Amino acid sequence: MLHALLSIISPCYSPREMIKALITLIAVASLLLNSSQSVSTAQQTGKASQVPLREQMEKISLDAQGKVGASVMLLETKESVSFNGDQKFPMQSVYKFPIGMCVLNQVDKGALKLNQKVRVGKSDLVPPKAGSPIRDKYPNGVELSLRELLRYMMIQSDGTASDVLLHLAGGADRVNAYLQDLGISEIAVATTEREMTTGEEVQYRNWATPDAAVALLRAFYEGRGLSAGSRTLLLQLMTNSTTGPHRLKGELPAGTVVAHKTGTSNTVEGVTRATNDIGIITLPDGRHLIIAVFVSDSKAQTATREGVIARIARAAYDWATASH
């Protein structure tokens, strides 16, 4: 290359000018080479990003050392992708979302009121195996408004609040009937938080498929089964949720708005039966990505399980923002 450069410039310049020109040409050649390498790298990166989203989900799921299901839908276009989306997964506290919807539906009908006071007795407090800030703060019981109970259940995933609200809503049968009215058949609410503390297998009775969770989120966001006010309230509570910051939100750009509900089981003998997160992600252009990721029967550590959810969410975010 240097010999070729010299042959070009030697007839035209004095020795000193030739050296300066040569230095300039070498610098230009170096820039062109680096530019070519950058283009090549960018092309390779572009190819990687074009891997179908379902393939990315499947590859990421291997790290969970368990069963993973994921489903996403770009709300405005209804384009969707799923991996194990029709499989059943234990919901754990994800089931507080349909409970919350059913409670607010009863508020819309006038059967319940947001400002009504509800006595939470000592016997209503869930056992220590279930999380409950209400129990921890008021060990002898307390009187709270229905609105406050909703806040505890949706923001802090309080088990006591969930059981009290499930009872007020009319029990599991009422919640399931409400889901059926919305056209959602692949979600089952069967037990209380208290009952789930009695054995590891009980939690499998409260199950959902990722596809059905996305369908419910879509119905919710489109305002089916709830008044505008109730929908706005529940959406705000889910956006303010303090649980699972390293799941759906974990790898999304800072400031991304995510309205979500997590679900988590205890780890027993090295196996965690449920690490979940479902929600609605607001994209930079104002569109919405609905997503549900369930990780069950996993032998991986917490950071790994949550990382699987975060990476799937990021892959879905990139899919939605780059290709549509």
C-alpha atoms as a PDB file:
ATOM      1  CA  MET A   1       0.000   0.000   0.000  1.00  0.00           C
ATOM      2  CA  LEU A   2       2.821   2.430   0.898  1.00  0.00           C
ATOM      3  CA  HIS A   3       4.632   1.601  -2.372  1.00  0.00           C
ATOM      4  CA  ALA A   4       1.470   2.440  -4.323  1.00  0.00           C
ATOM      5  CA  LEU A   5       1.093   5.756  -2.489  1.00  0.00           C
ATOM      6  CA  LEU A   6       4.718   6.665  -3.190  1.00  0.00           C
ATOM      7  CA  SER A   7       4.314   5.937  -6.907  1.00  0.00           C
ATOM      8  CA  ILE A   8       1.373   8.313  -7.020  1.00  0.00           C
ATOM      9  CA  ILE A   9       2.894  11.267  -5.205  1.00  0.00           C
ATOM     10  CA  SER A  10       6.622  11.044  -6.135  1.00  0.00           C
ATOM     11  CA  PRO A  11       6.449  12.753  -9.567  1.00  0.00           C
ATOM     12  CA  CYS A  12       4.591  15.735  -8.143  1.00  0.00           C
ATOM     13  CA  TYR A  13       6.409  16.806  -4.987  1.00  0.00           C
ATOM     14  CA  SER A  14       9.825  17.657  -3.579  1.00  0.00           C
ATOM     15  CA  PRO A  15      11.177  15.159  -1.033  1.00  0.00           C
ATOM     16  CA  ARG A  16       9.968  17.260   1.930  1.00  0.00           C
ATOM     17  CA  GLU A  17       6.540  17.832   0.357  1.00  0.00           C
ATOM     18  CA  MET A  18       6.399  14.177  -0.540  1.00  0.00           C
ATOM     19  CA  ILE A  19       6.893  13.179   3.108  1.00  0.00           C
ATOM     20  CA  LYS A  20       4.101  15.530   4.243  1.00  0.00           C
ATOM     21  CA  ALA A  21       1.795  14.272   1.540  1.00  0.00           C
ATOM     22  CA  LEU A  22       2.613  10.693   2.438  1.00  0.00           C
ATOM     23  CA  ILE A  23       1.781  11.307   6.101  1.00  0.00           C
ATOM     24  CA  THR A  24      -1.543  12.846   5.066  1.00  0.00           C
ATOM     25  CA  LEU A  25      -2.393   9.936   2.781  1.00  0.00           C
ATOM     26  CA  ILE A  26      -1.536   7.407   5.471  1.00  0.00           C
ATOM     27  CA  ALA A  27      -3.845   9.216   7.891  1.00  0.00           C
ATOM     28  CA  VAL A  28      -6.668   9.225   5.343  1.00  0.00           C
ATOM     29  CA  ALA A  29      -6.114   5.548   4.582  1.00  0.00           C
ATOM     30  CA  SER A  30      -6.232   4.770   8.288  1.00  0.00           C
ATOM     31  CA  LEU A  31      -9.532   6.612   8.663  1.00  0.00           C
ATOM     32  CA  LEU A  32     -10.992   4.776   5.684  1.00  0.00           C
ATOM     33  CA  LEU A  33      -9.896   1.440   7.139  1.00  0.00           C
ATOM     34  CA  ASN A  34     -11.415   2.217  10.527  1.00  0.00           C
ATOM     35  CA  SER A  35     -14.596   3.386   8.834  1.00  0.00           C
ATOM     36  CA  SER A  36     -14.795   0.122   6.894  1.00  0.00           C
ATOM     37  CA  GLN A  37     -14.333  -1.876  10.078  1.00  0.00           C
ATOM     38  CA  SER A  38     -17.039   0.162  11.817  1.00  0.00           C
ATOM     39  CA  VAL A  39     -19.467  -0.461   8.976  1.00  0.00           C
ATOM     40  CA  SER A  40     -18.682  -4.169   9.118  1.00  0.00           C
ATOM     41  CA  THR A  41     -19.270  -4.216  12.890  1.00  0.00           C
ATOM     42  CA  ALA A  42     -22.521  -2.297  12.493  1.00  0.00           C
ATOM     43  CA  GLN A  43     -23.674  -4.738   9.834  1.00  0.00           C
ATOM     44  CA  GLN A  44     -22.902  -7.675  12.111  1.00  0.00           C
ATOM     45  CA  THR A  45     -24.788  -6.008  14.981  1.00  0.00           C
ATOM     46  CA  GLY A  46     -27.686  -5.334  12.660  1.00  0.00           C
ATOM     47  CA  LYS A  47     -27.808  -9.001  11.719  1.00  0.00           C
ATOM     48  CA  ALA A  48     -27.871  -9.986  15.394  1.00  0.00           C
ATOM     49  CA  SER A  49     -30.786  -7.656  16.088  1.00  0.00           C
ATOM     50  CA  GLN A  50     -32.706  -9.265  13.236  1.00  0.00           C
ATOM     51  CA  VAL A  51     -32.831 -12.628  15.012  1.00  0.00           C
ATOM     52  CA  PRO A  52     -36.570 -13.379  15.355  1.00  0.00           C
ATOM     53  CA  LEU A  53     -37.904 -12.358  18.746  1.00  0.00           C
ATOM     54  CA  ARG A  54     -39.191 -15.836  19.529  1.00  0.00           C
ATOM     55  CA  GLU A  55     -35.691 -17.241  18.971  1.00  0.00           C
ATOM     56  CA  GLN A  56     -34.267 -14.632  21.301  1.00  0.00           C
ATOM     57  CA  MET A  57     -36.822 -15.554  23.960  1.00  0.00           C
ATOM     58  CA  GLU A  58     -35.965 -19.221  23.651  1.00  0.00           C
ATOM     59  CA  LYS A  59     -32.227 -18.609  23.881  1.00  0.00           C
ATOM     60  CA  ILE A  60     -32.522 -16.280  26.876  1.00  0.00           C
ATOM     61  CA  SER A  61     -34.812 -18.749  28.661  1.00  0.00           C
ATOM     62  CA  LEU A  62     -32.065 -21.388  28.837  1.00  0.00           C
ATOM     63  CA  ASP A  63     -30.371 -19.469  31.653  1.00  0.00           C
ATOM     64  CA  ALA A  64     -33.401 -19.917  33.911  1.00  0.00           C
ATOM     65  CA  GLN A  65     -32.763 -23.637  34.446  1.00  0.00           C
ATOM     66  CA  GLY A  66     -36.502 -24.106  34.526  1.00  0.00           C
ATOM     67  CA  LYS A  67     -39.624 -23.431  32.508  1.00  0.00           C
ATOM     68  CA  VAL A  68     -40.121 -20.041  30.842  1.00  0.00           C
ATOM     69  CA  GLY A  69     -43.093 -18.616  29.007  1.00  0.00           C
ATOM     70  CA  ALA A  70     -43.340 -15.207  27.396  1.00  0.00           C
ATOM     71  CA  SER A  71     -45.898 -13.365  25.311  1.00  0.00           C
ATOM     72  CA  VAL A  72     -45.861  -9.846  23.879  1.00  0.00           C
ATOM     73  CA  MET A  73     -48.241  -7.714  21.827  1.00  0.00           C
ATOM     74  CA  LEU A  74     -47.786  -4.304  20.276  1.00  0.00           C
ATOM     75  CA  LEU A  75     -51.144  -2.898  21.303  1.00  0.00           C
ATOM     76  CA  GLU A  76     -51.694  -0.448  18.478  1.00  0.00           C
ATOM     77  CA  THR A  77     -51.015  -2.953  15.669  1.00  0.00           C
ATOM     78  CA  LYS A  78     -51.940  -6.200  17.478  1.00  0.00           C
ATOM     79  CA  GLU A  79     -48.702  -7.817  16.267  1.00  0.00           C
ATOM     80  CA  SER A  80     -47.685 -10.499  18.747  1.00  0.00           C
ATOM     81  CA  VAL A  81     -44.959 -13.016  19.531  1.00  0.00           C
ATOM     82  CA  SER A  82     -44.952 -15.753  22.133  1.00  0.00           C
ATOM     83  CA  PHE A  83     -42.788 -18.551  23.457  1.00  0.00           C
ATOM     84  CA  ASN A  84     -44.586 -21.259  25.444  1.00  0.00           C
ATOM     85  CA  GLY A  85     -47.428 -18.763  25.434  1.00  0.00           C
ATOM     86  CA  ASP A  86     -50.121 -21.424  25.735  1.00  0.00           C
ATOM     87  CA  GLN A  87     -48.522 -23.228  28.689  1.00  0.00           C
ATOM     88  CA  LYS A  88     -49.812 -22.957  32.267  1.00  0.00           C
ATOM     89  CA  PHE A  89     -47.671 -21.209  34.900  1.00  0.00           C
ATOM     90  CA  PRO A  90     -48.322 -20.556  38.592  1.00  0.00           C
ATOM     91  CA  MET A  91     -49.206 -16.869  38.969  1.00  0.00           C
ATOM     92  CA  GLN A  92     -48.386 -16.194  42.603  1.00  0.00           C
ATOM     93  CA  SER A  93     -49.064 -12.472  43.158  1.00  0.00           C
ATOM     94  CA  VAL A  94     -49.733 -11.798  39.482  1.00  0.00           C
ATOM     95  CA  TYR A  95     -53.248 -12.973  40.368  1.00  0.00           C
ATOM     96  CA  LYS A  96     -53.727  -9.762  42.364  1.00  0.00           C
ATOM     97  CA  PHE A  97     -54.185  -7.968  39.039  1.00  0.00           C
ATOM     98  CA  PRO A  98     -57.421  -9.780  38.074  1.00  0.00           C
ATOM     99  CA  ILE A  99     -58.535  -9.554  41.712  1.00  0.00           C
ATOM    100  CA  GLY A 100     -57.993  -5.801  41.579  1.00  0.00           C
ATOM    101  CA  MET A 101     -59.943  -5.550  38.325  1.00  0.00           C
ATOM    102  CA  CYS A 102     -62.836  -7.521  39.778  1.00  0.00           C
ATOM    103  CA  VAL A 103     -62.913  -5.383  42.948  1.00  0.00           C
ATOM    104  CA  LEU A 104     -63.031  -2.179  40.905  1.00  0.00           C
ATOM    105  CA  ASN A 105     -65.748  -3.664  38.709  1.00  0.00           C
ATOM    106  CA  GLN A 106     -67.784  -4.105  41.901  1.00  0.00           C
ATOM    107  CA  VAL A 107     -67.047  -0.459  42.732  1.00  0.00           C
ATOM    108  CA  ASP A 108     -68.299   0.554  39.287  1.00  0.00           C
ATOM    109  CA  LYS A 109     -71.515  -1.376  39.929  1.00  0.00           C
ATOM    110  CA  GLY A 110     -72.014   0.315  43.312  1.00  0.00           C
ATOM    111  CA  ALA A 111     -71.609  -2.903  45.314  1.00  0.00           C
ATOM    112  CA  LEU A 112     -68.412  -1.554  46.907  1.00  0.00           C
ATOM    113  CA  LYS A 113     -67.083   1.949  47.543  1.00  0.00           C
ATOM    114  CA  LEU A 114     -63.485   3.146  47.438  1.00  0.00           C
ATOM    115  CA  ASN A 115     -63.890   5.153  50.640  1.00  0.00           C
ATOM    116  CA  GLN A 116     -65.685   2.456  52.647  1.00  0.00           C
ATOM    117  CA  LYS A 117     -63.870   1.369  55.777  1.00  0.00           C
ATOM    118  CA  VAL A 118     -62.875  -2.270  56.101  1.00  0.00           C
ATOM    119  CA  ARG A 119     -61.889  -3.863  59.376  1.00  0.00           C
ATOM    120  CA  VAL A 120     -58.797  -6.057  59.022  1.00  0.00           C
ATOM    121  CA  GLY A 121     -58.774  -8.238  62.121  1.00  0.00           C
ATOM    122  CA  LYS A 122     -55.816 -10.062  63.585  1.00  0.00           C
ATOM    123  CA  SER A 123     -57.236 -13.301  62.207  1.00  0.00           C
ATOM    124  CA  ASP A 124     -57.215 -11.770  58.695  1.00  0.00           C
ATOM    125  CA  LEU A 125     -53.452 -11.267  58.697  1.00  0.00           C
ATOM    126  CA  VAL A 126     -51.647 -13.780  56.507  1.00  0.00           C
ATOM    127  CA  PRO A 127     -48.939 -16.043  57.985  1.00  0.00           C
ATOM    128  CA  PRO A 128     -45.255 -14.996  57.838  1.00  0.00           C
ATOM    129  CA  LYS A 129     -44.639 -17.137  54.745  1.00  0.00           C
ATOM    130  CA  ALA A 130     -46.652 -14.580  52.779  1.00  0.00           C
ATOM    131  CA  GLY A 131     -45.507 -10.984  52.448  1.00  0.00           C
ATOM    132  CA  SER A 132     -47.695  -8.413  54.197  1.00  0.00           C
ATOM    133  CA  PRO A 133     -46.641  -4.867  55.118  1.00  0.00           C
ATOM    134  CA  ILE A 134     -50.076  -4.495  56.769  1.00  0.00           C
ATOM    135  CA  ARG A 135     -49.338  -7.416  59.097  1.00  0.00           C
ATOM    136  CA  ASP A 136     -45.874  -6.077  59.848  1.00  0.00           C
ATOM    137  CA  LYS A 137     -47.157  -2.560  60.592  1.00  0.00           C
ATOM    138  CA  TYR A 138     -50.406  -3.504  62.359  1.00  0.00           C
ATOM    139  CA  PRO A 139     -49.859  -6.870  64.098  1.00  0.00           C
ATOM    140  CA  ASN A 140     -53.151  -6.525  65.996  1.00  0.00           C
ATOM    141  CA  GLY A 141     -55.209  -5.509  62.970  1.00  0.00           C
ATOM    142  CA  VAL A 142     -56.374  -2.165  61.596  1.00  0.00           C
ATOM    143  CA  GLU A 143     -59.231  -0.401  59.824  1.00  0.00           C
ATOM    144  CA  LEU A 144     -58.424   0.719  56.289  1.00  0.00           C
ATOM    145  CA  SER A 145     -60.386   2.084  53.348  1.00  0.00           C
ATOM    146  CA  LEU A 146     -60.915  -0.086  50.319  1.00  0.00           C
ATOM    147  CA  ARG A 147     -58.745   2.340  48.343  1.00  0.00           C
ATOM    148  CA  GLU A 148     -55.913   1.855  50.852  1.00  0.00           C
ATOM    149  CA  LEU A 149     -56.247  -1.910  50.595  1.00  0.00           C
ATOM    150  CA  LEU A 150     -55.950  -1.658  46.819  1.00  0.00           C
ATOM    151  CA  ARG A 151     -52.804   0.425  47.211  1.00  0.00           C
ATOM    152  CA  TYR A 152     -51.245  -2.133  49.549  1.00  0.00           C
ATOM    153  CA  MET A 153     -52.153  -5.008  47.233  1.00  0.00           C
ATOM    154  CA  MET A 154     -51.041  -3.487  43.929  1.00  0.00           C
ATOM    155  CA  ILE A 155     -48.061  -1.366  44.985  1.00  0.00           C
ATOM    156  CA  GLN A 156     -46.527  -3.534  47.718  1.00  0.00           C
ATOM    157  CA  SER A 157     -48.119  -6.872  46.781  1.00  0.00           C
ATOM    158  CA  ASP A 158     -49.589  -7.268  50.263  1.00  0.00           C
ATOM    159  CA  GLY A 159     -51.018 -10.751  50.902  1.00  0.00           C
ATOM    160  CA  THR A 160     -53.381  -9.664  53.659  1.00  0.00           C
ATOM    161  CA  ALA A 161     -54.880  -6.939  51.469  1.00  0.00           C
ATOM    162  CA  SER A 162     -55.277  -9.460  48.655  1.00  0.00           C
ATOM    163  CA  ASP A 163     -57.195 -11.946  50.781  1.00  0.00           C
ATOM    164  CA  VAL A 164     -59.468  -9.276  52.249  1.00  0.00           C
ATOM    165  CA  LEU A 165     -60.223  -7.828  48.812  1.00  0.00           C
ATOM    166  CA  LEU A 166     -60.793 -11.269  47.294  1.00  0.00           C
ATOM    167  CA  HIS A 167     -63.401 -11.893  49.991  1.00  0.00           C
ATOM    168  CA  LEU A 168     -65.035  -8.491  49.406  1.00  0.00           C
ATOM    169  CA  ALA A 169     -65.156  -9.136  45.652  1.00  0.00           C
ATOM    170  CA  GLY A 170     -67.160 -12.310  46.224  1.00  0.00           C
ATOM    171  CA  GLY A 171     -64.414 -14.914  46.231  1.00  0.00           C
ATOM    172  CA  ALA A 172     -62.552 -16.818  43.539  1.00  0.00           C
ATOM    173  CA  ASP A 173     -65.730 -17.859  41.722  1.00  0.00           C
ATOM    174  CA  ARG A 174     -66.733 -14.231  41.245  1.00  0.00           C
ATOM    175  CA  VAL A 175     -63.290 -13.322  39.893  1.00  0.00           C
ATOM    176  CA  ASN A 176     -63.336 -16.242  37.461  1.00  0.00           C
ATOM    177  CA  ALA A 177     -66.834 -15.328  36.277  1.00  0.00           C
ATOM    178  CA  TYR A 178     -65.632 -11.760  35.678  1.00  0.00           C
ATOM    179  CA  LEU A 179     -62.696 -13.081  33.623  1.00  0.00           C
ATOM    180  CA  GLN A 180     -65.023 -15.294  31.603  1.00  0.00           C
ATOM    181  CA  ASP A 181     -67.212 -12.271  30.854  1.00  0.00           C
ATOM    182  CA  LEU A 182     -64.121 -10.592  29.414  1.00  0.00           C
ATOM    183  CA  GLY A 183     -63.468 -13.620  27.223  1.00  0.00           C
ATOM    184  CA  ILE A 184     -60.445 -14.757  29.260  1.00  0.00           C
ATOM    185  CA  SER A 185     -60.531 -18.525  29.833  1.00  0.00           C
ATOM    186  CA  GLU A 186     -56.896 -19.418  30.458  1.00  0.00           C
ATOM    187  CA  ILE A 187     -56.528 -17.733  33.857  1.00  0.00           C
ATOM    188  CA  ALA A 188     -57.713 -19.471  37.018  1.00  0.00           C
ATOM    189  CA  VAL A 189     -58.042 -17.912  40.472  1.00  0.00           C
ATOM    190  CA  ALA A 190     -58.615 -20.658  43.007  1.00  0.00           C
ATOM    191  CA  THR A 191     -56.962 -19.999  46.366  1.00  0.00           C
ATOM    192  CA  THR A 192     -56.128 -17.293  48.869  1.00  0.00           C
ATOM    193  CA  GLU A 193     -52.664 -16.136  49.877  1.00  0.00           C
ATOM    194  CA  ARG A 194     -53.203 -17.840  53.224  1.00  0.00           C
ATOM    195  CA  GLU A 195     -53.963 -21.150  51.507  1.00  0.00           C
ATOM    196  CA  MET A 196     -50.826 -20.856  49.395  1.00  0.00           C
ATOM    197  CA  THR A 197     -48.707 -20.880  52.554  1.00  0.00           C
ATOM    198  CA  THR A 198     -49.944 -24.363  53.454  1.00  0.00           C
ATOM    199  CA  GLY A 199     -47.961 -26.245  50.789  1.00  0.00           C
ATOM    200  CA  GLU A 200     -45.795 -25.714  47.737  1.00  0.00           C
ATOM    201  CA  GLU A 201     -48.225 -27.425  45.376  1.00  0.00           C
ATOM    202  CA  VAL A 202     -51.166 -25.178  46.255  1.00  0.00           C
ATOM    203  CA  GLN A 203     -49.825 -22.257  44.224  1.00  0.00           C
ATOM    204  CA  TYR A 204     -50.221 -24.215  40.979  1.00  0.00           C
ATOM    205  CA  ARG A 205     -53.992 -23.922  41.385  1.00  0.00           C
ATOM    206  CA  ASN A 206     -53.737 -20.202  40.594  1.00  0.00           C
ATOM    207  CA  TRP A 207     -52.441 -20.323  37.048  1.00  0.00           C
ATOM    208  CA  ALA A 208     -52.318 -18.409  33.808  1.00  0.00           C
ATOM    209  CA  THR A 209     -50.883 -18.771  30.346  1.00  0.00           C
ATOM    210  CA  PRO A 210     -48.680 -15.899  29.123  1.00  0.00           C
ATOM    211  CA  ASP A 211     -51.017 -15.412  26.149  1.00  0.00           C
ATOM    212  CA  ALA A 212     -54.029 -15.088  28.446  1.00  0.00           C
ATOM    213  CA  ALA A 213     -52.193 -12.632  30.710  1.00  0.00           C
ATOM    214  CA  VAL A 214     -51.501 -10.462  27.658  1.00  0.00           C
ATOM    215  CA  ALA A 215     -55.135 -10.761  26.576  1.00  0.00           C
ATOM    216  CA  LEU A 216     -56.261  -9.577  30.031  1.00  0.00           C
ATOM    217  CA  LEU A 217     -53.841  -6.652  29.975  1.00  0.00           C
ATOM    218  CA  ARG A 218     -55.155  -5.713  26.543  1.00  0.00           C
ATOM    219  CA  ALA A 219     -58.770  -5.862  27.738  1.00  0.00           C
ATOM    220  CA  PHE A 220     -57.838  -3.744  30.731  1.00  0.00           C
ATOM    221  CA  TYR A 221     -56.012  -1.112  28.713  1.00  0.00           C
ATOM    222  CA  GLU A 222     -58.817  -0.912  26.174  1.00  0.00           C
ATOM    223  CA  GLY A 223     -61.259  -0.211  29.005  1.00  0.00           C
ATOM    224  CA  ARG A 224     -63.275  -3.410  28.873  1.00  0.00           C
ATOM    225  CA  GLY A 225     -64.890  -4.429  32.152  1.00  0.00           C
ATOM    226  CA  LEU A 226     -63.975  -1.217  33.984  1.00  0.00           C
ATOM    227  CA  SER A 227     -65.032   2.411  34.029  1.00  0.00           C
ATOM    228  CA  ALA A 228     -62.517   5.030  32.877  1.00  0.00           C
ATOM    229  CA  GLY A 229     -61.943   6.123  36.466  1.00  0.00           C
ATOM    230  CA  SER A 230     -61.311   2.613  37.754  1.00  0.00           C
ATOM    231  CA  ARG A 231     -58.988   1.853  34.861  1.00  0.00           C
ATOM    232  CA  THR A 232     -57.004   5.035  35.533  1.00  0.00           C
ATOM    233  CA  LEU A 233     -56.713   4.242  39.243  1.00  0.00           C
ATOM    234  CA  LEU A 234     -55.481   0.691  38.686  1.00  0.00           C
ATOM    235  CA  LEU A 235     -53.055   1.800  35.975  1.00  0.00           C
ATOM    236  CA  GLN A 236     -51.603   4.392  38.340  1.00  0.00           C
ATOM    237  CA  LEU A 237     -51.185   1.841  41.140  1.00  0.00           C
ATOM    238  CA  MET A 238     -49.405  -0.579  38.791  1.00  0.00           C
ATOM    239  CA  THR A 239     -47.126   2.187  37.537  1.00  0.00           C
ATOM    240  CA  ASN A 240     -46.194   3.016  41.137  1.00  0.00           C
ATOM    241  CA  SER A 241     -45.479  -0.619  42.046  1.00  0.00           C
ATOM    242  CA  THR A 242     -42.333  -1.015  44.138  1.00  0.00           C
ATOM    243  CA  THR A 243     -41.796  -4.721  43.506  1.00  0.00           C
ATOM    244  CA  GLY A 244     -39.551  -6.310  40.884  1.00  0.00           C
ATOM    245  CA  PRO A 245     -37.413  -3.346  39.766  1.00  0.00           C
ATOM    246  CA  HIS A 246     -34.975  -5.744  38.085  1.00  0.00           C
ATOM    247  CA  ARG A 247     -37.584  -7.651  36.072  1.00  0.00           C
ATOM    248  CA  LEU A 248     -39.500  -5.983  33.236  1.00  0.00           C
ATOM    249  CA  LYS A 249     -37.861  -2.654  34.067  1.00  0.00           C
ATOM    250  CA  GLY A 250     -34.395  -4.092  34.546  1.00  0.00           C
ATOM    251  CA  GLU A 251     -32.827  -3.355  31.145  1.00  0.00           C
ATOM    252  CA  LEU A 252     -35.231  -0.791  29.706  1.00  0.00           C
ATOM    253  CA  PRO A 253     -34.064   2.800  29.111  1.00  0.00           C
ATOM    254  CA  ALA A 254     -34.161   4.990  32.217  1.00  0.00           C
ATOM    255  CA  GLY A 255     -37.497   6.713  32.614  1.00  0.00           C
ATOM    256  CA  THR A 256     -39.504   4.120  30.659  1.00  0.00           C
ATOM    257  CA  VAL A 257     -43.018   3.960  32.086  1.00  0.00           C
ATOM    258  CA  VAL A 258     -44.013   0.421  33.077  1.00  0.00           C
ATOM    259  CA  ALA A 259     -47.344  -0.468  34.688  1.00  0.00           C
ATOM    260  CA  HIS A 260     -46.873  -3.988  36.007  1.00  0.00           C
ATOM    261  CA  LYS A 261     -47.609  -6.703  38.553  1.00  0.00           C
ATOM    262  CA  THR A 262     -45.057  -9.203  39.778  1.00  0.00           C
ATOM    263  CA  GLY A 263     -45.430 -12.625  41.350  1.00  0.00           C
ATOM    264  CA  THR A 264     -42.837 -14.517  43.402  1.00  0.00           C
ATOM    265  CA  SER A 265     -42.754 -17.764  45.341  1.00  0.00           C
ATOM    266  CA  ASN A 266     -40.380 -18.799  48.074  1.00  0.00           C
ATOM    267  CA  THR A 267     -37.333 -20.890  47.185  1.00  0.00           C
ATOM    268  CA  VAL A 268     -37.588 -24.389  48.628  1.00  0.00           C
ATOM    269  CA  GLU A 269     -34.761 -26.932  48.340  1.00  0.00           C
ATOM    270  CA  GLY A 270     -33.107 -24.839  45.636  1.00  0.00           C
ATOM    271  CA  VAL A 271     -36.199 -24.536  43.437  1.00  0.00           C
ATOM    272  CA  THR A 272     -38.209 -21.343  42.918  1.00  0.00           C
ATOM    273  CA  ARG A 273     -41.611 -22.172  41.533  1.00  0.00           C
ATOM    274  CA  ALA A 274     -42.607 -18.702  40.373  1.00  0.00           C
ATOM    275  CA  THR A 275     -40.727 -15.560  39.302  1.00  0.00           C
ATOM    276  CA  ASN A 276     -43.108 -13.507  37.173  1.00  0.00           C
ATOM    277  CA  ASP A 277     -43.864 -10.068  35.837  1.00  0.00           C
ATOM    278  CA  ILE A 278     -46.622  -8.830  33.533  1.00  0.00           C
ATOM    279  CA  GLY A 279     -47.244  -5.301  32.399  1.00  0.00           C
ATOM    280  CA  ILE A 280     -47.712  -2.514  29.893  1.00  0.00           C
ATOM    281  CA  ILE A 281     -44.627  -0.676  28.633  1.00  0.00           C
ATOM    282  CA  THR A 282     -45.025   2.784  27.114  1.00  0.00           C
ATOM    283  CA  LEU A 283     -42.715   3.142  24.109  1.00  0.00           C
ATOM    284  CA  PRO A 284     -40.875   6.379  23.179  1.00  0.00           C
ATOM    285  CA  ASP A 285     -43.392   7.173  20.423  1.00  0.00           C
ATOM    286  CA  GLY A 286     -46.369   6.748  22.765  1.00  0.00           C
ATOM    287  CA  ARG A 287     -47.389   3.274  21.654  1.00  0.00           C
ATOM    288  CA  HIS A 288     -47.725   0.424  24.125  1.00  0.00           C
ATOM    289  CA  LEU A 289     -46.106  -2.982  24.444  1.00  0.00           C
ATOM    290  CA  ILE A 290     -48.009  -5.552  26.492  1.00  0.00           C
ATOM    291  CA  ILE A 291     -45.821  -8.274  27.958  1.00  0.00           C
ATOM    292  CA  ALA A 292     -46.019 -11.272  30.268  1.00  0.00           C
ATOM    293  CA  VAL A 293     -43.012 -13.329  31.349  1.00  0.00           C
ATOM    294  CA  PHE A 294     -43.301 -16.318  33.687  1.00  0.00           C
ATOM    295  CA  VAL A 295     -40.366 -18.324  35.069  1.00  0.00           C
ATOM    296  CA  SER A 296     -41.285 -21.466  36.997  1.00  0.00           C
ATOM    297  CA  ASP A 297     -39.573 -24.420  38.667  1.00  0.00           C
ATOM    298  CA  SER A 298     -36.206 -22.700  38.332  1.00  0.00           C
ATOM    299  CA  LYS A 299     -32.936 -23.715  39.946  1.00  0.00           C
ATOM    300  CA  ALA A 300     -31.226 -20.437  39.029  1.00  0.00           C
ATOM    301  CA  GLN A 301     -30.372 -17.680  41.479  1.00  0.00           C
ATOM    302  CA  THR A 302     -32.649 -14.653  41.916  1.00  0.00           C
ATOM    303  CA  ALA A 303     -30.479 -12.331  39.819  1.00  0.00           C
ATOM    304  CA  THR A 304     -30.451 -14.823  36.961  1.00  0.00           C
ATOM    305  CA  ARG A 305     -34.206 -15.419  37.019  1.00  0.00           C
ATOM    306  CA  GLU A 306     -34.933 -11.721  37.104  1.00  0.00           C
ATOM    307  CA  GLY A 307     -32.294 -11.156  34.429  1.00  0.00           C
ATOM    308  CA  VAL A 308     -34.101 -13.560  32.111  1.00  0.00           C
ATOM    309  CA  ILE A 309     -37.275 -11.488  32.476  1.00  0.00           C
ATOM    310  CA  ALA A 310     -35.361  -8.234  31.972  1.00  0.00           C
ATOM    311  CA  ARG A 311     -33.559  -9.461  28.865  1.00  0.00           C
ATOM    312  CA  ILE A 312     -36.735 -10.793  27.275  1.00  0.00           C
ATOM    313  CA  ALA A 313     -38.413  -7.464  28.003  1.00  0.00           C
ATOM    314  CA  ARG A 314     -35.519  -5.590  26.401  1.00  0.00           C
ATOM    315  CA  ALA A 315     -35.554  -7.832  23.336  1.00  0.00           C
ATOM    316  CA  ALA A 316     -39.289  -7.200  22.990  1.00  0.00           C
ATOM    317  CA  TYR A 317     -38.772  -3.448  23.455  1.00  0.00           C
ATOM    318  CA  ASP A 318     -36.132  -3.407  20.720  1.00  0.00           C
ATOM    319  CA  TRP A 319     -38.407  -5.469  18.462  1.00  0.00           C
ATOM    320  CA  ALA A 320     -41.262  -3.031  18.962  1.00  0.00           C
ATOM    321  CA  THR A 321     -39.228   0.142  18.536  1.00  0.00           C
ATOM    322  CA  ALA A 322     -36.957  -0.917  15.670  1.00  0.00           C
ATOM    323  CA  SER A 323     -39.202  -2.925  13.410  1.00  0.00           C
ATOM    324  CA  HIS A 324     -42.648  -1.373  13.616  1.00  0.00           C
END
